[in-house]
Protein backbone atom coordinates (compact mmCIF):
# COMPACT_ATOMS: atom_id res chain seq x y z
CA MET A 1 17.97 -4.24 -7.97
CA PRO A 2 20.06 -7.26 -6.19
CA ASP A 3 22.06 -4.71 -3.87
CA MET A 4 19.08 -3.72 -2.17
CA SER A 5 17.71 -7.56 -0.79
CA ALA A 6 21.06 -7.77 0.02
CA SER A 7 21.20 -5.19 2.13
CA VAL A 8 17.90 -5.55 3.64
CA SER A 9 18.70 -9.18 4.30
CA LEU A 10 21.92 -7.77 6.27
CA ALA A 11 19.95 -5.56 8.28
CA MET A 12 17.32 -8.43 9.14
CA THR A 13 20.41 -10.58 10.26
CA HIS A 14 22.17 -7.72 12.33
CA LEU A 15 18.40 -6.32 13.93
CA VAL A 16 16.50 -9.49 14.59
CA PRO A 17 18.86 -10.40 17.11
CA LEU A 18 18.37 -7.17 19.02
CA ALA A 19 14.45 -7.66 18.90
CA LYS A 20 14.64 -11.18 20.38
CA GLU A 21 16.69 -9.55 23.41
CA VAL A 22 13.44 -7.77 24.62
CA ASP A 23 11.04 -9.64 26.71
CA GLU A 24 9.05 -11.73 24.67
CA ASN A 25 5.91 -11.29 27.02
CA LYS A 26 5.45 -7.63 26.02
CA VAL A 27 4.74 -6.69 22.55
CA THR A 28 6.98 -3.92 21.40
CA PRO A 29 8.66 -3.08 17.77
CA GLY A 30 11.90 -2.41 19.02
CA VAL A 31 14.81 -1.71 16.98
CA LEU A 32 13.27 -2.90 13.83
CA GLY A 33 10.10 -1.47 14.38
CA PHE A 34 12.00 1.86 14.61
CA VAL A 35 13.84 1.88 12.10
CA VAL A 36 11.17 0.56 9.27
CA PHE A 37 8.88 3.51 10.80
CA ALA A 38 11.75 5.94 10.60
CA ALA A 39 12.61 5.21 6.88
CA MET A 40 9.24 5.32 6.07
CA ALA A 41 9.04 8.80 7.60
CA ILE A 42 12.05 9.85 6.01
CA ALA A 43 10.38 8.46 2.34
CA VAL A 44 7.30 10.38 2.83
CA TRP A 45 9.13 13.68 3.67
CA GLY A 46 11.33 13.11 0.56
CA LEU A 47 7.86 12.52 -1.64
CA MET A 48 6.25 15.85 0.14
CA LYS A 49 9.43 17.85 -0.74
CA SER A 50 9.37 17.03 -4.29
CA MET A 51 5.68 17.17 -4.68
CA ASN A 52 5.88 20.99 -3.18
CA ARG A 53 8.77 21.94 -5.95
CA ARG A 54 6.77 20.51 -8.78
CA MET A 55 3.84 22.02 -7.65
CA ALA A 56 5.94 25.76 -7.28
CA LYS A 57 6.55 25.47 -11.09
CA VAL A 58 3.13 24.81 -12.21
CA ASP A 59 1.62 28.25 -13.70
CA PHE A 60 -1.84 28.19 -14.08
CA VAL A 61 -3.92 31.18 -15.37
CA GLU A 62 -7.62 30.89 -16.02
CA THR A 63 -8.59 32.64 -19.40
CA PRO A 64 -11.44 35.08 -18.92
CA THR A 65 -14.68 34.66 -20.41
CA ASP A 66 -16.39 37.77 -22.23
CA THR A 67 -19.98 39.31 -21.24
CA ALA A 68 -21.76 36.59 -23.59
CA GLY A 69 -20.37 33.76 -21.05
CA GLU A 70 -18.17 32.50 -24.09
CA ALA A 71 -14.33 32.78 -23.73
CA PRO A 72 -12.72 34.59 -26.27
CA THR A 73 -11.14 33.08 -29.53
CA GLY A 74 -8.31 35.53 -30.02
CA LYS A 75 -10.06 36.64 -33.84
CA SER A 76 -11.72 39.77 -34.37
CA THR A 77 -14.20 40.31 -37.17
CA PRO A 78 -13.34 43.55 -39.24
CA ALA A 79 -15.65 46.34 -38.52
CA GLU A 80 -18.24 46.99 -41.13
CA GLY A 81 -18.60 50.62 -42.90
């Protein structure tokens, strides 16, 4: 993904000077901190939305047990007589 690293370096060259305009005696995240936090929040939101979609597709039905406590096999034995 060379495009990703190029876009990150381009963003850093434009956003780091904005962070240096703040008083250096204060500790603030600045614009760069906000952009990173917003990107992480959007990524988490997207992952949660995807997870909810996939979990909605899951169809889990527990197999009932008979009175003896064993799961039914689906095979019946012929009646004697």
